[in-house]
């Protein structure tokens, strides 16, 4: 059964039934899913959660769907990896990687949100779905639309990575390239949602779609032995993920499912300097967002006018955390550092997260003596071009041991 009560405006408080609605009709603010926590607390013991198969749906009572999911049944429960070699490089004591770079089926955390959105689309009777995307969301919608039998239209800026375009088209979705940035694409999608009876996951299904992000937070807590981390660093595009992780941690405390100290987690938001409207606002201490024109290799984070930016800043500042941004060169170094220390190849958003964590520790804003989780949200195979040209190219040798020794062991000895 579903414990969903209604949708509630995050600004004016007006409530709505569980319908496909884009925003509050009074003030145009985002809508939040509200659950019956009292009934959930009495009906669902934590032991029930622990006995279920390892996917995001083990937390199904805290998600806004009726019954069983329509798609994405194997999505989620990605590894939380202790990262001692990266911790040493950053000067941290206790560091973990939440690795959604291996999420099913398209290797990003967006698989979580789409599993919820398309399951809800099926409940609403939509036969066509779509989204505006900087890449990862489009991949996830295309794949799960194929699984669920939907027709799909994916709208993207024309300059996103070719790998992500192919990873959308391969699933049979219609890819619509738009001459403009993500904000132009998103406006077009909003107009299409008004004209056609389709489920647009980040427009009229947004309230439900964003709830899928909570499962990353639930998993982190469970994988830490039902404890909350003292700090978490999260990459930000539209700003929804960091707010939903915070909602997840709050819900776990409300239900009494987490143990140990009750001190709140501090939230740290990470962006690229070339598109940093949320971190810029967080640094100023004012949650009002001034839109920016994106110019960064971290295209998956390149949203100049983030829909949840205001709420992301409030989440960060209220927790005692901070926002920070890093240059493209630092992003590449972050990708390389994570790969070389822990064997995890992250896309550019992961490089942002690692580089921002390093910067915050150096600034004294992120306490290296406390537990830290880094959210790695996408796979490096999606953005290989970001690191092309950053490694020495060695010419081929003949199949001779002596030639190998002369070229490589001599170099190794010289660099030792």
Foldseek 3Di string as FASTA:
>chain_A
DEQWDFKAFPPPGDTHHPFLAFADPPPRAHIATDGDLVVCLVPDDPVQLVPDPQALCSPVNLAGAPDDFLFDPRWDPADWAWFVLLLVVLVFDTETERQQCPTPDARFLLLLLLSQLVSVQVVNPAQEEEEEALFPNLLNNLQRCLVNNHAYEYEYAQPRFPLSVCSNPVSPHHYHHDPAASVVRRVVVQVVVVVDVYRYCNGSVVNRSLLSLCSSLVSVCVVVVQAHFQEEEEEAALLSNQLSSQVSVVSCVVSVRHDDDPQDHAYEYFEAPQAPQLQVCLVVVHLDGDFDQGDELPSRRRHRNRSCSSVNSVRNVVNQAHYDHYYLVQLLVQQVSCCVRPVARADSSSSRQSSVSSVCVVVVRDDSHTYYYYYRGHGNVSRVVSCPPVDDDDDDDDPDPVRCCVPPVVVVVVVD
